[in-house]
Amino acid sequence: MKESYKITLLPHDQMETILPLVMELNNETIAYSLLQKRLADMLDMGGYECIGAYEGEELVGIFGVWVLNKLYAGKHVEPDNVFIKKEYRSKGVGQLMIDFLFQYAKEIGCEGTEVNCYVTNEKGRKFWERQGYEPLAVHFFKKFE
């Protein structure tokens, strides 16, 4: 693993830099302008942060983070929109980002963390399981037409 990766929380005024990676994560199925609006709305709601992984000046990975408080879980973090550029995968970038997340969560008083992962994402599921996550529930979603 390269030692040149820098892992940091992105300042809110630099959040739009994640959108090209979010576009790639979603196979460019969501318009950039819609992602801009959604991101602005998320930031306005509060509780959303993003961890960035850089090699030099290049953003090579993103790790969205919701800071939440729920009755069943207490204060916790939920990774969201996790994406690492293809050429940087399996090089330890994800591990550096998750280590940063766990440390950050502890520093802000979180009791734990939860994550959603697509059932078709076998590599992702294995990654989360290696990090100590265990299946707890099934995530459902209903889209309004």
Protein backbone atom coordinates (compact mmCIF):
# COMPACT_ATOMS: atom_id res chain seq x y z
CA MET A 1 0.00 0.00 0.00
CA LYS A 2 1.27 3.44 -0.87
CA GLU A 3 1.95 5.81 1.98
CA SER A 4 1.05 8.78 -0.21
CA TYR A 5 -2.70 8.55 0.38
CA LYS A 6 -4.20 11.39 2.37
CA ILE A 7 -7.49 10.70 4.14
CA THR A 8 -9.46 13.73 5.33
CA LEU A 9 -12.92 15.12 5.99
CA LEU A 10 -13.93 17.37 3.11
CA PRO A 11 -14.94 20.93 3.99
CA HIS A 12 -18.54 21.62 2.97
CA ASP A 13 -17.41 24.22 0.42
CA GLN A 14 -15.49 21.45 -1.41
CA MET A 15 -18.25 18.83 -1.35
CA GLU A 16 -19.13 19.22 -5.02
CA THR A 17 -15.74 17.67 -5.85
CA ILE A 18 -17.27 14.28 -4.97
CA LEU A 19 -19.90 14.46 -7.71
CA PRO A 20 -17.79 13.05 -10.58
CA LEU A 21 -17.15 9.96 -8.44
CA VAL A 22 -20.83 9.79 -7.44
CA MET A 23 -21.69 9.91 -11.15
CA GLU A 24 -19.37 6.96 -11.77
CA LEU A 25 -20.78 5.10 -8.74
CA ASN A 26 -24.28 5.41 -10.22
CA ASN A 27 -23.17 4.51 -13.76
CA GLU A 28 -24.06 8.06 -14.84
CA THR A 29 -27.78 7.29 -14.47
CA ILE A 30 -28.48 10.42 -12.41
CA ALA A 31 -28.06 13.85 -14.00
CA TYR A 32 -25.20 15.94 -12.59
CA SER A 33 -27.55 18.86 -11.95
CA LEU A 34 -29.85 16.61 -9.91
CA LEU A 35 -26.89 15.34 -7.88
CA GLN A 36 -25.87 18.97 -7.21
CA LYS A 37 -29.34 19.76 -5.90
CA ARG A 38 -29.53 16.62 -3.79
CA LEU A 39 -26.11 17.30 -2.29
CA ALA A 40 -27.07 20.88 -1.44
CA ASP A 41 -30.26 19.59 0.21
CA MET A 42 -28.29 16.98 2.17
CA LEU A 43 -25.88 19.61 3.44
CA ASP A 44 -28.78 21.89 4.39
CA MET A 45 -30.37 19.05 6.40
CA GLY A 46 -27.22 18.63 8.46
CA GLY A 47 -25.52 15.46 9.59
CA TYR A 48 -23.79 14.69 6.28
CA GLU A 49 -20.01 14.62 5.96
CA CYS A 50 -17.68 13.08 3.42
CA ILE A 51 -14.28 11.50 3.83
CA GLY A 52 -12.01 11.86 0.83
CA ALA A 53 -8.98 9.81 -0.15
CA TYR A 54 -6.37 11.66 -2.17
CA GLU A 55 -3.28 10.61 -4.00
CA GLY A 56 -1.49 13.90 -4.36
CA GLU A 57 -4.16 16.35 -5.49
CA GLU A 58 -6.39 13.68 -7.08
CA LEU A 59 -9.55 12.58 -5.27
CA VAL A 60 -9.46 8.79 -5.66
CA GLY A 61 -12.09 7.69 -3.15
CA ILE A 62 -15.11 9.01 -1.29
CA PHE A 63 -16.86 7.82 1.82
CA GLY A 64 -20.06 9.70 2.56
CA VAL A 65 -20.97 9.68 6.25
CA TRP A 66 -24.32 10.34 7.90
CA VAL A 67 -24.16 11.10 11.61
CA LEU A 68 -27.46 9.78 12.94
CA ASN A 69 -29.25 9.06 16.17
CA LYS A 70 -31.90 6.33 16.17
CA LEU A 71 -33.83 4.71 18.99
CA TYR A 72 -32.48 1.21 18.27
CA ALA A 73 -28.86 2.24 17.65
CA GLY A 74 -28.15 5.47 19.51
CA LYS A 75 -25.72 7.96 17.97
CA HIS A 76 -23.92 6.30 15.08
CA VAL A 77 -22.39 6.85 11.66
CA GLU A 78 -23.69 5.38 8.44
CA PRO A 79 -21.38 5.19 5.42
CA ASP A 80 -23.13 6.22 2.19
CA ASN A 81 -21.96 6.66 -1.40
CA VAL A 82 -18.72 4.76 -0.84
CA PHE A 83 -16.66 4.65 -4.01
CA ILE A 84 -13.02 4.15 -4.93
CA LYS A 85 -11.75 4.62 -8.47
CA LYS A 86 -11.21 1.27 -10.15
CA GLU A 87 -7.43 1.62 -10.45
CA TYR A 88 -7.15 2.24 -6.67
CA ARG A 89 -9.24 -0.71 -5.51
CA SER A 90 -7.58 -3.54 -3.55
CA LYS A 91 -4.70 -1.21 -2.66
CA GLY A 92 -5.71 -0.49 0.94
CA VAL A 93 -7.51 2.80 0.28
CA GLY A 94 -10.82 1.46 1.58
CA GLN A 95 -9.16 0.21 4.75
CA LEU A 96 -7.55 3.59 5.38
CA MET A 97 -10.93 5.27 4.92
CA ILE A 98 -12.77 2.88 7.24
CA ASP A 99 -10.06 3.28 9.89
CA PHE A 100 -10.50 7.06 9.60
CA LEU A 101 -14.28 6.66 9.87
CA PHE A 102 -14.10 4.51 13.00
CA GLN A 103 -11.72 6.95 14.69
CA TYR A 104 -13.90 9.93 13.73
CA ALA A 105 -17.03 8.18 15.00
CA LYS A 106 -15.41 7.48 18.35
CA GLU A 107 -14.18 11.09 18.62
CA ILE A 108 -17.72 12.45 18.15
CA GLY A 109 -19.23 10.04 20.67
CA CYS A 110 -20.85 7.43 18.45
CA GLU A 111 -21.94 4.08 19.84
CA GLY A 112 -21.41 2.26 16.56
CA THR A 113 -21.97 2.23 12.83
CA GLU A 114 -24.37 0.69 10.34
CA VAL A 115 -24.21 0.34 6.57
CA ASN A 116 -26.45 -0.59 3.66
CA CYS A 117 -24.93 -2.61 0.83
CA TYR A 118 -26.56 -3.75 -2.39
CA VAL A 119 -27.26 -7.49 -2.26
CA THR A 120 -25.63 -7.83 -5.69
CA ASN A 121 -22.37 -6.26 -4.44
CA GLU A 122 -20.55 -9.39 -3.29
CA LYS A 123 -17.15 -7.67 -2.93
CA GLY A 124 -18.73 -4.86 -0.95
CA ARG A 125 -20.51 -7.26 1.38
CA LYS A 126 -17.27 -9.13 2.03
CA PHE A 127 -15.48 -5.83 2.73
CA TRP A 128 -18.08 -4.76 5.30
CA GLU A 129 -18.04 -8.18 6.95
CA ARG A 130 -14.23 -8.02 7.25
CA GLN A 131 -14.73 -4.71 9.09
CA GLY A 132 -16.92 -6.42 11.69
CA TYR A 133 -20.36 -5.50 10.32
CA GLU A 134 -23.03 -8.18 10.72
CA PRO A 135 -26.37 -8.47 8.90
CA LEU A 136 -29.14 -7.09 11.09
CA ALA A 137 -32.10 -6.40 8.82
CA VAL A 138 -33.26 -6.15 5.24
CA HIS A 139 -33.33 -2.64 3.78
CA PHE A 140 -36.49 -1.84 1.79
CA PHE A 141 -37.13 1.12 -0.48
CA LYS A 142 -40.27 2.31 -2.28
CA LYS A 143 -39.93 4.86 -5.05
CA PHE A 144 -42.87 7.24 -5.54
CA GLU A 145 -43.86 7.77 -9.13
